[in-house]
Amino acid sequence: MINIEDHIEKNITDLYDPGISLQRRRFLEQELEDLKMYQANHPEDPHDPTQFEIYCDQNPNALECRVYEN
């Protein structure tokens, strides 16, 4: 995806497809919720975040998300 808005629009479009599986629907609903939360937390940042960026946004104290500065 080019930016987060495009990603959100694609997920919404895909959710209206009656042929998607239940598992795919659950995944898209969760991803859409996560993207909207990320977008609300970073309104000035239009890039499409990775799953890792979303995870670290939701879990900033997780060991793999810590950033150490010298």
PDB file of N, CA and C in Angstrom:
ATOM      1  N   MET A   1       0.830  -1.180   0.000  1.00  0.00           N
ATOM      2  CA  MET A   1       0.000   0.000   0.000  1.00  0.00           C
ATOM      3  C   MET A   1       0.879   1.250   0.000  1.00  0.00           C
ATOM      4  N   ILE A   2       0.347   2.293  -0.546  1.00  0.00           N
ATOM      5  CA  ILE A   2       1.070   3.556  -0.607  1.00  0.00           C
ATOM      6  C   ILE A   2       0.959   4.310   0.710  1.00  0.00           C
ATOM      7  N   ASN A   3      -0.239   4.365   1.269  1.00  0.00           N
ATOM      8  CA  ASN A   3      -0.418   5.055   2.544  1.00  0.00           C
ATOM      9  C   ASN A   3      -1.517   4.381   3.357  1.00  0.00           C
ATOM     10  N   ILE A   4      -1.675   4.833   4.571  1.00  0.00           N
ATOM     11  CA  ILE A   4      -2.617   4.193   5.490  1.00  0.00           C
ATOM     12  C   ILE A   4      -4.061   4.355   5.022  1.00  0.00           C
ATOM     13  N   GLU A   5      -4.382   5.489   4.397  1.00  0.00           N
ATOM     14  CA  GLU A   5      -5.737   5.712   3.892  1.00  0.00           C
ATOM     15  C   GLU A   5      -6.098   4.676   2.832  1.00  0.00           C
ATOM     16  N   ASP A   6      -5.166   4.391   1.910  1.00  0.00           N
ATOM     17  CA  ASP A   6      -5.404   3.381   0.879  1.00  0.00           C
ATOM     18  C   ASP A   6      -5.610   2.003   1.500  1.00  0.00           C
ATOM     19  N   HIS A   7      -4.817   1.695   2.504  1.00  0.00           N
ATOM     20  CA  HIS A   7      -4.919   0.395   3.174  1.00  0.00           C
ATOM     21  C   HIS A   7      -6.291   0.254   3.851  1.00  0.00           C
ATOM     22  N   ILE A   8      -6.728   1.296   4.533  1.00  0.00           N
ATOM     23  CA  ILE A   8      -8.033   1.269   5.196  1.00  0.00           C
ATOM     24  C   ILE A   8      -9.149   1.111   4.163  1.00  0.00           C
ATOM     25  N   GLU A   9      -9.073   1.859   3.075  1.00  0.00           N
ATOM     26  CA  GLU A   9     -10.087   1.762   2.011  1.00  0.00           C
ATOM     27  C   GLU A   9     -10.134   0.361   1.408  1.00  0.00           C
ATOM     28  N   LYS A  10      -8.956  -0.238   1.180  1.00  0.00           N
ATOM     29  CA  LYS A  10      -8.911  -1.600   0.613  1.00  0.00           C
ATOM     30  C   LYS A  10      -9.551  -2.598   1.568  1.00  0.00           C
ATOM     31  N   ASN A  11      -9.261  -2.472   2.866  1.00  0.00           N
ATOM     32  CA  ASN A  11      -9.857  -3.389   3.841  1.00  0.00           C
ATOM     33  C   ASN A  11     -11.383  -3.245   3.876  1.00  0.00           C
ATOM     34  N   ILE A  12     -11.866  -2.017   3.832  1.00  0.00           N
ATOM     35  CA  ILE A  12     -13.315  -1.791   3.844  1.00  0.00           C
ATOM     36  C   ILE A  12     -13.943  -2.395   2.592  1.00  0.00           C
ATOM     37  N   THR A  13     -13.319  -2.182   1.444  1.00  0.00           N
ATOM     38  CA  THR A  13     -13.822  -2.750   0.190  1.00  0.00           C
ATOM     39  C   THR A  13     -13.842  -4.273   0.265  1.00  0.00           C
ATOM     40  N   ASP A  14     -12.765  -4.869   0.755  1.00  0.00           N
ATOM     41  CA  ASP A  14     -12.689  -6.328   0.860  1.00  0.00           C
ATOM     42  C   ASP A  14     -13.735  -6.887   1.821  1.00  0.00           C
ATOM     43  N   LEU A  15     -14.067  -6.143   2.866  1.00  0.00           N
ATOM     44  CA  LEU A  15     -15.069  -6.620   3.820  1.00  0.00           C
ATOM     45  C   LEU A  15     -16.458  -6.715   3.197  1.00  0.00           C
ATOM     46  N   TYR A  16     -16.731  -5.929   2.160  1.00  0.00           N
ATOM     47  CA  TYR A  16     -18.029  -5.979   1.485  1.00  0.00           C
ATOM     48  C   TYR A  16     -18.132  -7.129   0.500  1.00  0.00           C
ATOM     49  N   ASP A  17     -17.038  -7.838   0.263  1.00  0.00           N
ATOM     50  CA  ASP A  17     -17.044  -8.980  -0.646  1.00  0.00           C
ATOM     51  C   ASP A  17     -17.734 -10.154   0.044  1.00  0.00           C
ATOM     52  N   PRO A  18     -18.877 -10.611  -0.480  1.00  0.00           N
ATOM     53  CA  PRO A  18     -19.597 -11.713   0.176  1.00  0.00           C
ATOM     54  C   PRO A  18     -18.887 -13.063   0.059  1.00  0.00           C
ATOM     55  N   GLY A  19     -17.881 -13.156  -0.799  1.00  0.00           N
ATOM     56  CA  GLY A  19     -17.203 -14.431  -1.010  1.00  0.00           C
ATOM     57  C   GLY A  19     -15.998 -14.676  -0.118  1.00  0.00           C
ATOM     58  N   ILE A  20     -15.646 -13.737   0.769  1.00  0.00           N
ATOM     59  CA  ILE A  20     -14.461 -13.967   1.597  1.00  0.00           C
ATOM     60  C   ILE A  20     -14.781 -14.936   2.733  1.00  0.00           C
ATOM     61  N   SER A  21     -13.776 -15.636   3.166  1.00  0.00           N
ATOM     62  CA  SER A  21     -13.959 -16.612   4.238  1.00  0.00           C
ATOM     63  C   SER A  21     -14.139 -15.912   5.581  1.00  0.00           C
ATOM     64  N   LEU A  22     -14.657 -16.623   6.528  1.00  0.00           N
ATOM     65  CA  LEU A  22     -14.871 -16.094   7.874  1.00  0.00           C
ATOM     66  C   LEU A  22     -13.544 -15.703   8.521  1.00  0.00           C
ATOM     67  N   GLN A  23     -12.516 -16.518   8.315  1.00  0.00           N
ATOM     68  CA  GLN A  23     -11.202 -16.217   8.877  1.00  0.00           C
ATOM     69  C   GLN A  23     -10.640 -14.934   8.282  1.00  0.00           C
ATOM     70  N   ARG A  24     -10.764 -14.772   6.977  1.00  0.00           N
ATOM     71  CA  ARG A  24     -10.278 -13.554   6.316  1.00  0.00           C
ATOM     72  C   ARG A  24     -11.054 -12.333   6.808  1.00  0.00           C
ATOM     73  N   ARG A  25     -12.368 -12.479   6.989  1.00  0.00           N
ATOM     74  CA  ARG A  25     -13.200 -11.386   7.489  1.00  0.00           C
ATOM     75  C   ARG A  25     -12.742 -10.959   8.889  1.00  0.00           C
ATOM     76  N   ARG A  26     -12.492 -11.932   9.767  1.00  0.00           N
ATOM     77  CA  ARG A  26     -12.018 -11.606  11.122  1.00  0.00           C
ATOM     78  C   ARG A  26     -10.666 -10.908  11.082  1.00  0.00           C
ATOM     79  N   PHE A  27      -9.767 -11.390  10.215  1.00  0.00           N
ATOM     80  CA  PHE A  27      -8.456 -10.772  10.076  1.00  0.00           C
ATOM     81  C   PHE A  27      -8.590  -9.327   9.613  1.00  0.00           C
ATOM     82  N   LEU A  28      -9.404  -9.092   8.583  1.00  0.00           N
ATOM     83  CA  LEU A  28      -9.577  -7.744   8.048  1.00  0.00           C
ATOM     84  C   LEU A  28     -10.216  -6.803   9.063  1.00  0.00           C
ATOM     85  N   GLU A  29     -11.182  -7.305   9.814  1.00  0.00           N
ATOM     86  CA  GLU A  29     -11.819  -6.471  10.836  1.00  0.00           C
ATOM     87  C   GLU A  29     -10.821  -6.059  11.906  1.00  0.00           C
ATOM     88  N   GLN A  30      -9.985  -7.003  12.353  1.00  0.00           N
ATOM     89  CA  GLN A  30      -8.980  -6.695  13.366  1.00  0.00           C
ATOM     90  C   GLN A  30      -7.924  -5.745  12.809  1.00  0.00           C
ATOM     91  N   GLU A  31      -7.469  -6.000  11.594  1.00  0.00           N
ATOM     92  CA  GLU A  31      -6.468  -5.139  10.982  1.00  0.00           C
ATOM     93  C   GLU A  31      -7.027  -3.730  10.773  1.00  0.00           C
ATOM     94  N   LEU A  32      -8.274  -3.629  10.365  1.00  0.00           N
ATOM     95  CA  LEU A  32      -8.905  -2.323  10.171  1.00  0.00           C
ATOM     96  C   LEU A  32      -8.975  -1.558  11.485  1.00  0.00           C
ATOM     97  N   GLU A  33      -9.348  -2.241  12.546  1.00  0.00           N
ATOM     98  CA  GLU A  33      -9.377  -1.612  13.866  1.00  0.00           C
ATOM     99  C   GLU A  33      -7.985  -1.134  14.281  1.00  0.00           C
ATOM    100  N   ASP A  34      -6.977  -1.972  14.064  1.00  0.00           N
ATOM    101  CA  ASP A  34      -5.597  -1.611  14.418  1.00  0.00           C
ATOM    102  C   ASP A  34      -5.102  -0.428  13.592  1.00  0.00           C
ATOM    103  N   LEU A  35      -5.417  -0.409  12.294  1.00  0.00           N
ATOM    104  CA  LEU A  35      -4.989   0.688  11.433  1.00  0.00           C
ATOM    105  C   LEU A  35      -5.636   2.007  11.849  1.00  0.00           C
ATOM    106  N   LYS A  36      -6.915   1.955  12.174  1.00  0.00           N
ATOM    107  CA  LYS A  36      -7.607   3.168  12.600  1.00  0.00           C
ATOM    108  C   LYS A  36      -7.039   3.688  13.918  1.00  0.00           C
ATOM    109  N   MET A  37      -6.688   2.775  14.829  1.00  0.00           N
ATOM    110  CA  MET A  37      -6.091   3.179  16.093  1.00  0.00           C
ATOM    111  C   MET A  37      -4.706   3.801  15.851  1.00  0.00           C
ATOM    112  N   TYR A  38      -3.925   3.181  14.976  1.00  0.00           N
ATOM    113  CA  TYR A  38      -2.598   3.723  14.650  1.00  0.00           C
ATOM    114  C   TYR A  38      -2.744   5.108  14.032  1.00  0.00           C
ATOM    115  N   GLN A  39      -3.686   5.250  13.135  1.00  0.00           N
ATOM    116  CA  GLN A  39      -3.910   6.530  12.470  1.00  0.00           C
ATOM    117  C   GLN A  39      -4.331   7.603  13.482  1.00  0.00           C
ATOM    118  N   ALA A  40      -5.150   7.238  14.450  1.00  0.00           N
ATOM    119  CA  ALA A  40      -5.570   8.190  15.477  1.00  0.00           C
ATOM    120  C   ALA A  40      -4.391   8.604  16.354  1.00  0.00           C
ATOM    121  N   ASN A  41      -3.471   7.678  16.619  1.00  0.00           N
ATOM    122  CA  ASN A  41      -2.298   7.976  17.439  1.00  0.00           C
ATOM    123  C   ASN A  41      -1.240   8.757  16.683  1.00  0.00           C
ATOM    124  N   HIS A  42      -1.239   8.668  15.343  1.00  0.00           N
ATOM    125  CA  HIS A  42      -0.222   9.324  14.510  1.00  0.00           C
ATOM    126  C   HIS A  42      -0.892  10.046  13.338  1.00  0.00           C
ATOM    127  N   PRO A  43      -1.693  11.074  13.614  1.00  0.00           N
ATOM    128  CA  PRO A  43      -2.436  11.732  12.528  1.00  0.00           C
ATOM    129  C   PRO A  43      -1.550  12.422  11.496  1.00  0.00           C
ATOM    130  N   GLU A  44      -0.335  12.784  11.870  1.00  0.00           N
ATOM    131  CA  GLU A  44       0.562  13.475  10.949  1.00  0.00           C
ATOM    132  C   GLU A  44       1.369  12.524  10.066  1.00  0.00           C
ATOM    133  N   ASP A  45       1.265  11.219  10.311  1.00  0.00           N
ATOM    134  CA  ASP A  45       2.075  10.213   9.617  1.00  0.00           C
ATOM    135  C   ASP A  45       1.207   9.426   8.630  1.00  0.00           C
ATOM    136  N   PRO A  46       1.306   9.706   7.315  1.00  0.00           N
ATOM    137  CA  PRO A  46       0.436   9.033   6.345  1.00  0.00           C
ATOM    138  C   PRO A  46       0.944   7.681   5.840  1.00  0.00           C
ATOM    139  N   HIS A  47       2.167   7.258   6.224  1.00  0.00           N
ATOM    140  CA  HIS A  47       2.700   6.009   5.665  1.00  0.00           C
ATOM    141  C   HIS A  47       1.894   4.802   6.158  1.00  0.00           C
ATOM    142  N   ASP A  48       1.944   3.742   5.380  1.00  0.00           N
ATOM    143  CA  ASP A  48       1.258   2.497   5.729  1.00  0.00           C
ATOM    144  C   ASP A  48       2.150   1.728   6.705  1.00  0.00           C
ATOM    145  N   PRO A  49       1.740   1.599   7.971  1.00  0.00           N
ATOM    146  CA  PRO A  49       2.595   0.935   8.954  1.00  0.00           C
ATOM    147  C   PRO A  49       2.646  -0.578   8.752  1.00  0.00           C
ATOM    148  N   THR A  50       3.768  -1.150   9.164  1.00  0.00           N
ATOM    149  CA  THR A  50       3.904  -2.607   9.145  1.00  0.00           C
ATOM    150  C   THR A  50       3.190  -3.173  10.369  1.00  0.00           C
ATOM    151  N   GLN A  51       2.999  -4.480  10.376  1.00  0.00           N
ATOM    152  CA  GLN A  51       2.392  -5.126  11.540  1.00  0.00           C
ATOM    153  C   GLN A  51       3.252  -4.895  12.784  1.00  0.00           C
ATOM    154  N   PHE A  52       4.566  -4.883  12.595  1.00  0.00           N
ATOM    155  CA  PHE A  52       5.465  -4.652  13.724  1.00  0.00           C
ATOM    156  C   PHE A  52       5.293  -3.241  14.286  1.00  0.00           C
ATOM    157  N   GLU A  53       5.157  -2.258  13.420  1.00  0.00           N
ATOM    158  CA  GLU A  53       4.939  -0.886  13.882  1.00  0.00           C
ATOM    159  C   GLU A  53       3.623  -0.769  14.651  1.00  0.00           C
ATOM    160  N   ILE A  54       2.603  -1.434  14.163  1.00  0.00           N
ATOM    161  CA  ILE A  54       1.303  -1.416  14.852  1.00  0.00           C
ATOM    162  C   ILE A  54       1.434  -2.096  16.214  1.00  0.00           C
ATOM    163  N   TYR A  55       2.115  -3.238  16.237  1.00  0.00           N
ATOM    164  CA  TYR A  55       2.316  -3.966  17.494  1.00  0.00           C
ATOM    165  C   TYR A  55       3.051  -3.091  18.506  1.00  0.00           C
ATOM    166  N   CYS A  56       4.120  -2.427  18.072  1.00  0.00           N
ATOM    167  CA  CYS A  56       4.902  -1.593  18.991  1.00  0.00           C
ATOM    168  C   CYS A  56       4.134  -0.353  19.420  1.00  0.00           C
ATOM    169  N   ASP A  57       3.258   0.133  18.571  1.00  0.00           N
ATOM    170  CA  ASP A  57       2.414   1.258  18.955  1.00  0.00           C
ATOM    171  C   ASP A  57       1.466   0.845  20.077  1.00  0.00           C
ATOM    172  N   GLN A  58       0.979  -0.377  20.007  1.00  0.00           N
ATOM    173  CA  GLN A  58       0.053  -0.883  21.019  1.00  0.00           C
ATOM    174  C   GLN A  58       0.767  -1.428  22.248  1.00  0.00           C
ATOM    175  N   ASN A  59       2.032  -1.828  22.100  1.00  0.00           N
ATOM    176  CA  ASN A  59       2.800  -2.438  23.185  1.00  0.00           C
ATOM    177  C   ASN A  59       4.183  -1.789  23.288  1.00  0.00           C
ATOM    178  N   PRO A  60       4.249  -0.511  23.654  1.00  0.00           N
ATOM    179  CA  PRO A  60       5.538   0.187  23.639  1.00  0.00           C
ATOM    180  C   PRO A  60       6.569  -0.358  24.636  1.00  0.00           C
ATOM    181  N   ASN A  61       6.140  -1.082  25.642  1.00  0.00           N
ATOM    182  CA  ASN A  61       7.069  -1.615  26.631  1.00  0.00           C
ATOM    183  C   ASN A  61       7.520  -3.045  26.331  1.00  0.00           C
ATOM    184  N   ALA A  62       7.063  -3.597  25.228  1.00  0.00           N
ATOM    185  CA  ALA A  62       7.504  -4.942  24.856  1.00  0.00           C
ATOM    186  C   ALA A  62       9.007  -4.918  24.579  1.00  0.00           C
ATOM    187  N   LEU A  63       9.697  -5.966  24.946  1.00  0.00           N
ATOM    188  CA  LEU A  63      11.154  -6.011  24.791  1.00  0.00           C
ATOM    189  C   LEU A  63      11.602  -5.726  23.367  1.00  0.00           C
ATOM    190  N   GLU A  64      10.910  -6.303  22.391  1.00  0.00           N
ATOM    191  CA  GLU A  64      11.327  -6.121  21.002  1.00  0.00           C
ATOM    192  C   GLU A  64      11.032  -4.721  20.469  1.00  0.00           C
ATOM    193  N   CYS A  65      10.307  -3.903  21.232  1.00  0.00           N
ATOM    194  CA  CYS A  65       9.948  -2.552  20.792  1.00  0.00           C
ATOM    195  C   CYS A  65      10.757  -1.460  21.479  1.00  0.00           C
ATOM    196  N   ARG A  66      11.555  -1.825  22.422  1.00  0.00           N
ATOM    197  CA  ARG A  66      12.328  -0.830  23.151  1.00  0.00           C
ATOM    198  C   ARG A  66      13.426  -0.237  22.281  1.00  0.00           C
ATOM    199  N   VAL A  67      13.646   1.044  22.467  1.00  0.00           N
ATOM    200  CA  VAL A  67      14.686   1.763  21.730  1.00  0.00           C
ATOM    201  C   VAL A  67      15.625   2.349  22.768  1.00  0.00           C
ATOM    202  N   TYR A  68      16.889   2.038  22.617  1.00  0.00           N
ATOM    203  CA  TYR A  68      17.892   2.537  23.566  1.00  0.00           C
ATOM    204  C   TYR A  68      18.740   3.587  22.873  1.00  0.00           C
ATOM    205  N   GLU A  69      18.913   4.699  23.545  1.00  0.00           N
ATOM    206  CA  GLU A  69      19.726   5.773  22.995  1.00  0.00           C
ATOM    207  C   GLU A  69      21.002   5.902  23.816  1.00  0.00           C
ATOM    208  N   ASN A  70      22.098   6.228  23.163  1.00  0.00           N
ATOM    209  CA  ASN A  70      23.383   6.411  23.840  1.00  0.00           C
ATOM    210  C   ASN A  70      23.545   7.830  24.283  1.00  0.00           C
TER     211      ASN A  70
END
